């Protein structure tokens, strides 16, 4: 059963869950901004911490929702609010030093209109189409697609940058300004697989069909495809291309003869 401490008051509880979810993501941003401001970590590090954990933390907050008809939409409001804020800050209509400090490399608010905005936008799209509980609340029709995509988008891309910077050396490749390293490519695959596997495993506590062991091969295949796509993506577009590639690959799994007994979409 999905979490519902207020039987008969699913909407009330979903509003509470939404508030908790929003606070969790906001705390991640604010804490990283404070650490960056103190000088203990650079913007490069705090930016990647947020990139690596924002989507997984938001996905984990889904377990708080009741699984009712409004759960998906209230959960989706969280990244939507960040999309609106990024646009407002990037266009100069709103000022938020903490957001700029923790999520931009250069300190230029307009940078939030690039990869950061794409990341939050993909969270909205994925949340709408693949919130793990379908509208009827029947967990037998649940899907872990979003968990694997978030694993690649957040964990994979986050690990790629961190490991690439530390162990990549000077031998780099890429197109249209992108700078990739072999170490970063390996980090992308490891992070994608690790985060996807852990998210699926944690959700399997509620949805028995989400067997992380049974899904190892699909996770490996999707992680590999996401890694290849990330390696050949032009600079600044990887949050879009990784997400789209992972989604397409998951949807193709049944046609490739790989184990995937889940519906293509959870919205319909």
C-alpha atoms as a PDB file:
ATOM      1  CA  UNK A   1       0.000   0.000   0.000  1.00  0.00           C
ATOM      2  CA  UNK A   2       1.113   3.542  -0.674  1.00  0.00           C
ATOM      3  CA  UNK A   3       1.682   5.701   2.388  1.00  0.00           C
ATOM      4  CA  UNK A   4      -1.557   7.209   3.709  1.00  0.00           C
ATOM      5  CA  UNK A   5      -1.782   8.031   7.428  1.00  0.00           C
ATOM      6  CA  UNK A   6      -5.085   9.868   6.889  1.00  0.00           C
ATOM      7  CA  UNK A   7      -7.589   7.346   5.445  1.00  0.00           C
ATOM      8  CA  UNK A   8     -10.394   9.177   3.703  1.00  0.00           C
ATOM      9  CA  UNK A   9      -8.361  12.397   3.617  1.00  0.00           C
ATOM     10  CA  UNK A  10      -5.966  11.528   0.808  1.00  0.00           C
ATOM     11  CA  UNK A  11      -5.911  15.063  -0.628  1.00  0.00           C
ATOM     12  CA  UNK A  12      -5.066  16.587   2.754  1.00  0.00           C
ATOM     13  CA  UNK A  13      -2.199  14.177   3.219  1.00  0.00           C
ATOM     14  CA  UNK A  14      -0.957  14.740  -0.340  1.00  0.00           C
ATOM     15  CA  UNK A  15      -0.757  18.470   0.379  1.00  0.00           C
ATOM     16  CA  UNK A  16       1.334  17.678   3.464  1.00  0.00           C
ATOM     17  CA  UNK A  17       3.520  15.359   1.354  1.00  0.00           C
ATOM     18  CA  UNK A  18       3.943  18.111  -1.255  1.00  0.00           C
ATOM     19  CA  UNK A  19       5.114  20.568   1.401  1.00  0.00           C
ATOM     20  CA  UNK A  20       7.607  18.038   2.787  1.00  0.00           C
ATOM     21  CA  UNK A  21       8.868  17.260  -0.721  1.00  0.00           C
ATOM     22  CA  UNK A  22       9.358  20.932  -1.558  1.00  0.00           C
ATOM     23  CA  UNK A  23      11.152  21.610   1.728  1.00  0.00           C
ATOM     24  CA  UNK A  24      13.535  18.690   1.139  1.00  0.00           C
ATOM     25  CA  UNK A  25      14.634  20.026  -2.252  1.00  0.00           C
ATOM     26  CA  UNK A  26      14.803  23.604  -0.998  1.00  0.00           C
ATOM     27  CA  UNK A  27      16.979  22.504   1.937  1.00  0.00           C
ATOM     28  CA  UNK A  28      19.345  20.765  -0.479  1.00  0.00           C
ATOM     29  CA  UNK A  29      19.783  24.015  -2.391  1.00  0.00           C
ATOM     30  CA  UNK A  30      20.046  26.269   0.662  1.00  0.00           C
ATOM     31  CA  UNK A  31      22.516  24.055   2.527  1.00  0.00           C
ATOM     32  CA  UNK A  32      24.775  23.805  -0.512  1.00  0.00           C
ATOM     33  CA  UNK A  33      24.587  27.577  -1.013  1.00  0.00           C
ATOM     34  CA  UNK A  34      25.627  28.124   2.607  1.00  0.00           C
ATOM     35  CA  UNK A  35      28.533  25.683   2.252  1.00  0.00           C
ATOM     36  CA  UNK A  36      29.674  27.372  -0.974  1.00  0.00           C
ATOM     37  CA  UNK A  37      29.431  30.795   0.660  1.00  0.00           C
ATOM     38  CA  UNK A  38      31.567  29.609   3.567  1.00  0.00           C
ATOM     39  CA  UNK A  39      34.324  28.670   1.129  1.00  0.00           C
ATOM     40  CA  UNK A  40      34.448  25.023   2.204  1.00  0.00           C
ATOM     41  CA  UNK A  41      33.312  23.791  -1.218  1.00  0.00           C
ATOM     42  CA  UNK A  42      33.506  25.341  -4.662  1.00  0.00           C
ATOM     43  CA  UNK A  43      30.530  26.131  -6.858  1.00  0.00           C
ATOM     44  CA  UNK A  44      31.560  23.249  -9.110  1.00  0.00           C
ATOM     45  CA  UNK A  45      31.116  20.792  -6.241  1.00  0.00           C
ATOM     46  CA  UNK A  46      27.901  22.252  -4.770  1.00  0.00           C
ATOM     47  CA  UNK A  47      26.346  22.417  -8.237  1.00  0.00           C
ATOM     48  CA  UNK A  48      27.061  18.738  -8.827  1.00  0.00           C
ATOM     49  CA  UNK A  49      25.811  17.756  -5.370  1.00  0.00           C
ATOM     50  CA  UNK A  50      22.461  19.324  -6.215  1.00  0.00           C
ATOM     51  CA  UNK A  51      22.513  17.774  -9.687  1.00  0.00           C
ATOM     52  CA  UNK A  52      23.262  14.334  -8.267  1.00  0.00           C
ATOM     53  CA  UNK A  53      20.680  14.315  -5.479  1.00  0.00           C
ATOM     54  CA  UNK A  54      17.793  16.644  -6.444  1.00  0.00           C
ATOM     55  CA  UNK A  55      15.906  14.217  -8.697  1.00  0.00           C
ATOM     56  CA  UNK A  56      16.540  11.117  -6.502  1.00  0.00           C
ATOM     57  CA  UNK A  57      15.474  12.956  -3.333  1.00  0.00           C
ATOM     58  CA  UNK A  58      12.340  14.183  -5.090  1.00  0.00           C
ATOM     59  CA  UNK A  59      11.625  10.674  -6.378  1.00  0.00           C
ATOM     60  CA  UNK A  60      12.036   9.229  -2.880  1.00  0.00           C
ATOM     61  CA  UNK A  61       9.504  11.782  -1.609  1.00  0.00           C
ATOM     62  CA  UNK A  62       6.943  10.119  -3.895  1.00  0.00           C
ATOM     63  CA  UNK A  63       6.721   7.375  -1.290  1.00  0.00           C
ATOM     64  CA  UNK A  64       5.083   9.912   1.029  1.00  0.00           C
ATOM     65  CA  UNK A  65       2.100  10.441  -1.257  1.00  0.00           C
ATOM     66  CA  UNK A  66      -1.140   8.528  -0.904  1.00  0.00           C
ATOM     67  CA  UNK A  67      -1.250   7.292  -4.492  1.00  0.00           C
ATOM     68  CA  UNK A  68      -4.591   9.024  -4.987  1.00  0.00           C
ATOM     69  CA  UNK A  69      -5.770  10.887  -8.049  1.00  0.00           C
ATOM     70  CA  UNK A  70      -4.077  14.133  -6.965  1.00  0.00           C
ATOM     71  CA  UNK A  71      -0.756  12.623  -5.856  1.00  0.00           C
ATOM     72  CA  UNK A  72       0.949  12.855  -9.250  1.00  0.00           C
ATOM     73  CA  UNK A  73      -0.078  16.461  -9.814  1.00  0.00           C
ATOM     74  CA  UNK A  74       0.886  17.733  -6.378  1.00  0.00           C
ATOM     75  CA  UNK A  75       4.245  15.948  -6.600  1.00  0.00           C
ATOM     76  CA  UNK A  76       4.840  17.514 -10.021  1.00  0.00           C
ATOM     77  CA  UNK A  77       4.289  21.017  -8.644  1.00  0.00           C
ATOM     78  CA  UNK A  78       7.613  20.797  -6.787  1.00  0.00           C
ATOM     79  CA  UNK A  79       9.913  20.825  -9.857  1.00  0.00           C
ATOM     80  CA  UNK A  80       7.451  23.109 -11.670  1.00  0.00           C
ATOM     81  CA  UNK A  81       7.983  25.758  -8.996  1.00  0.00           C
ATOM     82  CA  UNK A  82      11.722  25.484  -9.553  1.00  0.00           C
ATOM     83  CA  UNK A  83      11.249  25.805 -13.329  1.00  0.00           C
ATOM     84  CA  UNK A  84       9.340  29.044 -12.748  1.00  0.00           C
ATOM     85  CA  UNK A  85      11.995  30.325 -10.341  1.00  0.00           C
ATOM     86  CA  UNK A  86      14.872  29.490 -12.708  1.00  0.00           C
ATOM     87  CA  UNK A  87      13.151  31.367 -15.535  1.00  0.00           C
ATOM     88  CA  UNK A  88      12.411  34.346 -13.288  1.00  0.00           C
ATOM     89  CA  UNK A  89      15.974  34.489 -11.942  1.00  0.00           C
ATOM     90  CA  UNK A  90      17.580  33.895 -15.328  1.00  0.00           C
ATOM     91  CA  UNK A  91      15.573  36.654 -16.979  1.00  0.00           C
ATOM     92  CA  UNK A  92      16.248  39.113 -14.163  1.00  0.00           C
ATOM     93  CA  UNK A  93      12.671  39.281 -12.908  1.00  0.00           C
ATOM     94  CA  UNK A  94      13.647  37.740  -9.572  1.00  0.00           C
ATOM     95  CA  UNK A  95      16.802  37.667  -7.469  1.00  0.00           C
ATOM     96  CA  UNK A  96      17.959  34.695  -5.414  1.00  0.00           C
ATOM     97  CA  UNK A  97      21.632  34.665  -4.501  1.00  0.00           C
ATOM     98  CA  UNK A  98      21.482  31.189  -2.985  1.00  0.00           C
ATOM     99  CA  UNK A  99      20.120  29.659  -6.177  1.00  0.00           C
ATOM    100  CA  UNK A 100      22.733  31.404  -8.302  1.00  0.00           C
ATOM    101  CA  UNK A 101      25.558  30.496  -5.903  1.00  0.00           C
ATOM    102  CA  UNK A 102      24.706  26.811  -5.748  1.00  0.00           C
ATOM    103  CA  UNK A 103      23.608  26.116  -9.306  1.00  0.00           C
ATOM    104  CA  UNK A 104      25.708  28.249 -11.644  1.00  0.00           C
ATOM    105  CA  UNK A 105      29.360  27.857 -12.562  1.00  0.00           C
ATOM    106  CA  UNK A 106      30.020  31.509 -13.339  1.00  0.00           C
ATOM    107  CA  UNK A 107      27.713  33.325 -10.936  1.00  0.00           C
ATOM    108  CA  UNK A 108      25.692  34.639 -13.879  1.00  0.00           C
ATOM    109  CA  UNK A 109      21.940  34.235 -13.203  1.00  0.00           C
ATOM    110  CA  UNK A 110      21.341  33.646 -16.929  1.00  0.00           C
ATOM    111  CA  UNK A 111      23.165  30.341 -16.597  1.00  0.00           C
ATOM    112  CA  UNK A 112      20.067  28.974 -14.843  1.00  0.00           C
ATOM    113  CA  UNK A 113      18.270  29.146 -18.192  1.00  0.00           C
ATOM    114  CA  UNK A 114      20.506  26.379 -19.554  1.00  0.00           C
ATOM    115  CA  UNK A 115      21.195  22.930 -18.157  1.00  0.00           C
ATOM    116  CA  UNK A 116      19.701  23.712 -14.754  1.00  0.00           C
ATOM    117  CA  UNK A 117      16.370  24.622 -16.321  1.00  0.00           C
ATOM    118  CA  UNK A 118      16.454  21.560 -18.592  1.00  0.00           C
ATOM    119  CA  UNK A 119      17.014  19.328 -15.557  1.00  0.00           C
ATOM    120  CA  UNK A 120      13.992  20.700 -13.699  1.00  0.00           C
ATOM    121  CA  UNK A 121      11.882  20.651 -16.870  1.00  0.00           C
ATOM    122  CA  UNK A 122      12.623  16.973 -17.422  1.00  0.00           C
ATOM    123  CA  UNK A 123      11.645  16.277 -13.811  1.00  0.00           C
ATOM    124  CA  UNK A 124       8.245  17.834 -14.523  1.00  0.00           C
ATOM    125  CA  UNK A 125       7.711  15.836 -17.729  1.00  0.00           C
ATOM    126  CA  UNK A 126       8.823  12.565 -16.173  1.00  0.00           C
ATOM    127  CA  UNK A 127       6.712  13.193 -13.073  1.00  0.00           C
ATOM    128  CA  UNK A 128       3.588  13.761 -15.145  1.00  0.00           C
ATOM    129  CA  UNK A 129       3.990  10.760 -17.440  1.00  0.00           C
ATOM    130  CA  UNK A 130       5.703   8.249 -15.166  1.00  0.00           C
ATOM    131  CA  UNK A 131       4.844   8.961 -11.544  1.00  0.00           C
ATOM    132  CA  UNK A 132       5.192   5.398 -10.323  1.00  0.00           C
ATOM    133  CA  UNK A 133       1.594   5.009  -9.126  1.00  0.00           C
ATOM    134  CA  UNK A 134      -1.064   5.111 -11.896  1.00  0.00           C
ATOM    135  CA  UNK A 135      -4.202   7.280 -11.499  1.00  0.00           C
ATOM    136  CA  UNK A 136      -6.253   4.311 -10.284  1.00  0.00           C
ATOM    137  CA  UNK A 137      -3.794   3.735  -7.421  1.00  0.00           C
ATOM    138  CA  UNK A 138      -3.305   0.114  -8.450  1.00  0.00           C
ATOM    139  CA  UNK A 139       0.298  -0.815  -7.662  1.00  0.00           C
ATOM    140  CA  UNK A 140      -0.024  -3.808  -9.989  1.00  0.00           C
ATOM    141  CA  UNK A 141       0.195  -1.244 -12.823  1.00  0.00           C
ATOM    142  CA  UNK A 142       3.086   0.730 -11.331  1.00  0.00           C
ATOM    143  CA  UNK A 143       6.242   1.399 -13.355  1.00  0.00           C
ATOM    144  CA  UNK A 144       9.859   2.071 -12.298  1.00  0.00           C
ATOM    145  CA  UNK A 145      10.710   3.912 -15.526  1.00  0.00           C
ATOM    146  CA  UNK A 146      11.165   7.278 -13.811  1.00  0.00           C
ATOM    147  CA  UNK A 147      13.516   5.768 -11.224  1.00  0.00           C
ATOM    148  CA  UNK A 148      15.904   4.455 -13.881  1.00  0.00           C
ATOM    149  CA  UNK A 149      15.786   7.686 -15.886  1.00  0.00           C
ATOM    150  CA  UNK A 150      16.516   9.744 -12.771  1.00  0.00           C
ATOM    151  CA  UNK A 151      19.368   7.372 -11.944  1.00  0.00           C
ATOM    152  CA  UNK A 152      20.978   8.146 -15.299  1.00  0.00           C
ATOM    153  CA  UNK A 153      20.164  11.867 -15.343  1.00  0.00           C
ATOM    154  CA  UNK A 154      21.222  12.603 -11.768  1.00  0.00           C
ATOM    155  CA  UNK A 155      23.594   9.917 -10.549  1.00  0.00           C
ATOM    156  CA  UNK A 156      25.185   9.151 -13.904  1.00  0.00           C
ATOM    157  CA  UNK A 157      25.799  12.701 -15.057  1.00  0.00           C
ATOM    158  CA  UNK A 158      26.840  13.733 -11.553  1.00  0.00           C
ATOM    159  CA  UNK A 159      29.408  10.959 -11.254  1.00  0.00           C
ATOM    160  CA  UNK A 160      30.661  11.637 -14.788  1.00  0.00           C
ATOM    161  CA  UNK A 161      31.656  15.186 -13.904  1.00  0.00           C
ATOM    162  CA  UNK A 162      33.170  14.419 -10.500  1.00  0.00           C
ATOM    163  CA  UNK A 163      35.174  11.367 -11.604  1.00  0.00           C
ATOM    164  CA  UNK A 164      36.115  12.986 -14.906  1.00  0.00           C
ATOM    165  CA  UNK A 165      37.545  16.055 -13.178  1.00  0.00           C
ATOM    166  CA  UNK A 166      39.489  14.005 -10.646  1.00  0.00           C
ATOM    167  CA  UNK A 167      40.833  11.189 -12.807  1.00  0.00           C
ATOM    168  CA  UNK A 168      40.264  12.285 -16.400  1.00  0.00           C
ATOM    169  CA  UNK A 169      43.591  13.982 -16.974  1.00  0.00           C
ATOM    170  CA  UNK A 170      44.241  16.127 -20.037  1.00  0.00           C
ATOM    171  CA  UNK A 171      43.071  13.670 -22.700  1.00  0.00           C
ATOM    172  CA  UNK A 172      39.627  14.970 -23.592  1.00  0.00           C
ATOM    173  CA  UNK A 173      37.181  14.543 -26.442  1.00  0.00           C
ATOM    174  CA  UNK A 174      33.766  15.876 -27.355  1.00  0.00           C
ATOM    175  CA  UNK A 175      31.784  17.876 -29.887  1.00  0.00           C
ATOM    176  CA  UNK A 176      30.518  21.457 -29.956  1.00  0.00           C
ATOM    177  CA  UNK A 177      32.546  22.521 -26.935  1.00  0.00           C
ATOM    178  CA  UNK A 178      31.895  19.471 -24.759  1.00  0.00           C
ATOM    179  CA  UNK A 179      34.908  18.106 -22.859  1.00  0.00           C
ATOM    180  CA  UNK A 180      34.615  14.410 -22.025  1.00  0.00           C
ATOM    181  CA  UNK A 181      37.172  12.003 -20.608  1.00  0.00           C
ATOM    182  CA  UNK A 182      37.364   8.224 -20.475  1.00  0.00           C
ATOM    183  CA  UNK A 183      37.222   8.375 -16.671  1.00  0.00           C
ATOM    184  CA  UNK A 184      34.116  10.549 -16.906  1.00  0.00           C
ATOM    185  CA  UNK A 185      32.459   8.075 -19.280  1.00  0.00           C
ATOM    186  CA  UNK A 186      33.153   5.236 -16.843  1.00  0.00           C
ATOM    187  CA  UNK A 187      31.830   7.390 -14.000  1.00  0.00           C
ATOM    188  CA  UNK A 188      28.672   8.044 -16.002  1.00  0.00           C
ATOM    189  CA  UNK A 189      27.989   4.336 -16.369  1.00  0.00           C
ATOM    190  CA  UNK A 190      28.772   3.525 -12.736  1.00  0.00           C
ATOM    191  CA  UNK A 191      26.650   6.383 -11.415  1.00  0.00           C
ATOM    192  CA  UNK A 192      23.746   5.556 -13.729  1.00  0.00           C
ATOM    193  CA  UNK A 193      23.696   1.915 -12.739  1.00  0.00           C
ATOM    194  CA  UNK A 194      24.262   2.516  -9.029  1.00  0.00           C
ATOM    195  CA  UNK A 195      21.610   5.212  -8.573  1.00  0.00           C
ATOM    196  CA  UNK A 196      19.068   3.393 -10.755  1.00  0.00           C
ATOM    197  CA  UNK A 197      19.589   0.143  -8.887  1.00  0.00           C
ATOM    198  CA  UNK A 198      19.341   1.762  -5.448  1.00  0.00           C
ATOM    199  CA  UNK A 199      16.181   3.713  -6.341  1.00  0.00           C
ATOM    200  CA  UNK A 200      14.494   0.607  -7.765  1.00  0.00           C
ATOM    201  CA  UNK A 201      15.548  -1.398  -4.711  1.00  0.00           C
ATOM    202  CA  UNK A 202      14.155   1.181  -2.274  1.00  0.00           C
ATOM    203  CA  UNK A 203      10.837   1.359  -4.116  1.00  0.00           C
ATOM    204  CA  UNK A 204      10.661  -2.446  -4.216  1.00  0.00           C
ATOM    205  CA  UNK A 205       9.896  -2.281  -0.484  1.00  0.00           C
ATOM    206  CA  UNK A 206       6.470  -0.950  -1.477  1.00  0.00           C
ATOM    207  CA  UNK A 207       6.106  -2.450  -4.964  1.00  0.00           C
ATOM    208  CA  UNK A 208       7.235  -6.075  -4.961  1.00  0.00           C
ATOM    209  CA  UNK A 209       7.306  -6.160  -8.772  1.00  0.00           C
ATOM    210  CA  UNK A 210      10.193  -3.668  -8.705  1.00  0.00           C
ATOM    211  CA  UNK A 211      12.716  -6.425  -8.093  1.00  0.00           C
ATOM    212  CA  UNK A 212      16.155  -4.829  -8.391  1.00  0.00           C
ATOM    213  CA  UNK A 213      17.719  -8.226  -9.041  1.00  0.00           C
ATOM    214  CA  UNK A 214      15.320  -9.037 -11.885  1.00  0.00           C
ATOM    215  CA  UNK A 215      15.863  -5.591 -13.375  1.00  0.00           C
ATOM    216  CA  UNK A 216      19.675  -5.663 -13.324  1.00  0.00           C
ATOM    217  CA  UNK A 217      19.992  -6.354 -17.054  1.00  0.00           C
ATOM    218  CA  UNK A 218      17.507  -3.646 -18.130  1.00  0.00           C
ATOM    219  CA  UNK A 219      19.276  -1.182 -15.821  1.00  0.00           C
ATOM    220  CA  UNK A 220      22.645  -2.111 -17.313  1.00  0.00           C
ATOM    221  CA  UNK A 221      21.353  -1.688 -20.872  1.00  0.00           C
ATOM    222  CA  UNK A 222      19.703   1.673 -20.202  1.00  0.00           C
ATOM    223  CA  UNK A 223      22.755   2.911 -18.286  1.00  0.00           C
ATOM    224  CA  UNK A 224      25.022   1.906 -21.159  1.00  0.00           C
ATOM    225  CA  UNK A 225      22.886   3.714 -23.750  1.00  0.00           C
ATOM    226  CA  UNK A 226      22.674   6.821 -21.545  1.00  0.00           C
ATOM    227  CA  UNK A 227      26.463   6.719 -21.162  1.00  0.00           C
ATOM    228  CA  UNK A 228      27.038   6.570 -24.912  1.00  0.00           C
ATOM    229  CA  UNK A 229      24.582   9.406 -25.540  1.00  0.00           C
ATOM    230  CA  UNK A 230      26.172  11.562 -22.833  1.00  0.00           C
ATOM    231  CA  UNK A 231      29.604  11.025 -24.361  1.00  0.00           C
ATOM    232  CA  UNK A 232      28.520  12.395 -27.750  1.00  0.00           C
ATOM    233  CA  UNK A 233      26.224  15.184 -26.543  1.00  0.00           C
ATOM    234  CA  UNK A 234      27.150  18.810 -27.325  1.00  0.00           C
ATOM    235  CA  UNK A 235      27.920  21.064 -24.395  1.00  0.00           C
ATOM    236  CA  UNK A 236      24.949  22.132 -22.281  1.00  0.00           C
ATOM    237  CA  UNK A 237      22.406  19.686 -23.661  1.00  0.00           C
ATOM    238  CA  UNK A 238      23.165  16.511 -21.704  1.00  0.00           C
ATOM    239  CA  UNK A 239      20.296  16.936 -19.224  1.00  0.00           C
ATOM    240  CA  UNK A 240      17.918  16.712 -22.163  1.00  0.00           C
ATOM    241  CA  UNK A 241      19.663  14.040 -24.212  1.00  0.00           C
ATOM    242  CA  UNK A 242      20.351  11.696 -21.297  1.00  0.00           C
ATOM    243  CA  UNK A 243      16.740  11.853 -20.136  1.00  0.00           C
ATOM    244  CA  UNK A 244      15.288  11.347 -23.614  1.00  0.00           C
ATOM    245  CA  UNK A 245      17.704   8.516 -24.449  1.00  0.00           C
ATOM    246  CA  UNK A 246      16.962   6.708 -21.184  1.00  0.00           C
ATOM    247  CA  UNK A 247      13.192   7.083 -21.661  1.00  0.00           C
ATOM    248  CA  UNK A 248      13.303   5.811 -25.247  1.00  0.00           C
ATOM    249  CA  UNK A 249      15.527   2.899 -24.264  1.00  0.00           C
ATOM    250  CA  UNK A 250      13.228   1.823 -21.441  1.00  0.00           C
ATOM    251  CA  UNK A 251      10.227   1.966 -23.765  1.00  0.00           C
ATOM    252  CA  UNK A 252      12.109  -0.234 -26.242  1.00  0.00           C
ATOM    253  CA  UNK A 253      13.090  -2.890 -23.697  1.00  0.00           C
ATOM    254  CA  UNK A 254      10.062  -5.189 -24.312  1.00  0.00           C
ATOM    255  CA  UNK A 255      10.757  -5.126 -28.056  1.00  0.00           C
ATOM    256  CA  UNK A 256      14.354  -6.184 -27.437  1.00  0.00           C
ATOM    257  CA  UNK A 257      13.250  -9.266 -25.539  1.00  0.00           C
ATOM    258  CA  UNK A 258      14.415  -7.907 -22.186  1.00  0.00           C
ATOM    259  CA  UNK A 259      12.440  -8.359 -18.958  1.00  0.00           C
ATOM    260  CA  UNK A 260      10.131  -5.366 -18.533  1.00  0.00           C
ATOM    261  CA  UNK A 261       6.607  -6.335 -17.375  1.00  0.00           C
ATOM    262  CA  UNK A 262       5.455  -2.763 -16.816  1.00  0.00           C
ATOM    263  CA  UNK A 263       3.125  -0.404 -18.710  1.00  0.00           C
ATOM    264  CA  UNK A 264       4.653   2.135 -21.082  1.00  0.00           C
ATOM    265  CA  UNK A 265       2.999   5.028 -19.249  1.00  0.00           C
ATOM    266  CA  UNK A 266       1.478   5.443 -15.820  1.00  0.00           C
ATOM    267  CA  UNK A 267      -0.654   8.443 -16.705  1.00  0.00           C
ATOM    268  CA  UNK A 268      -2.994   6.671 -19.124  1.00  0.00           C
END
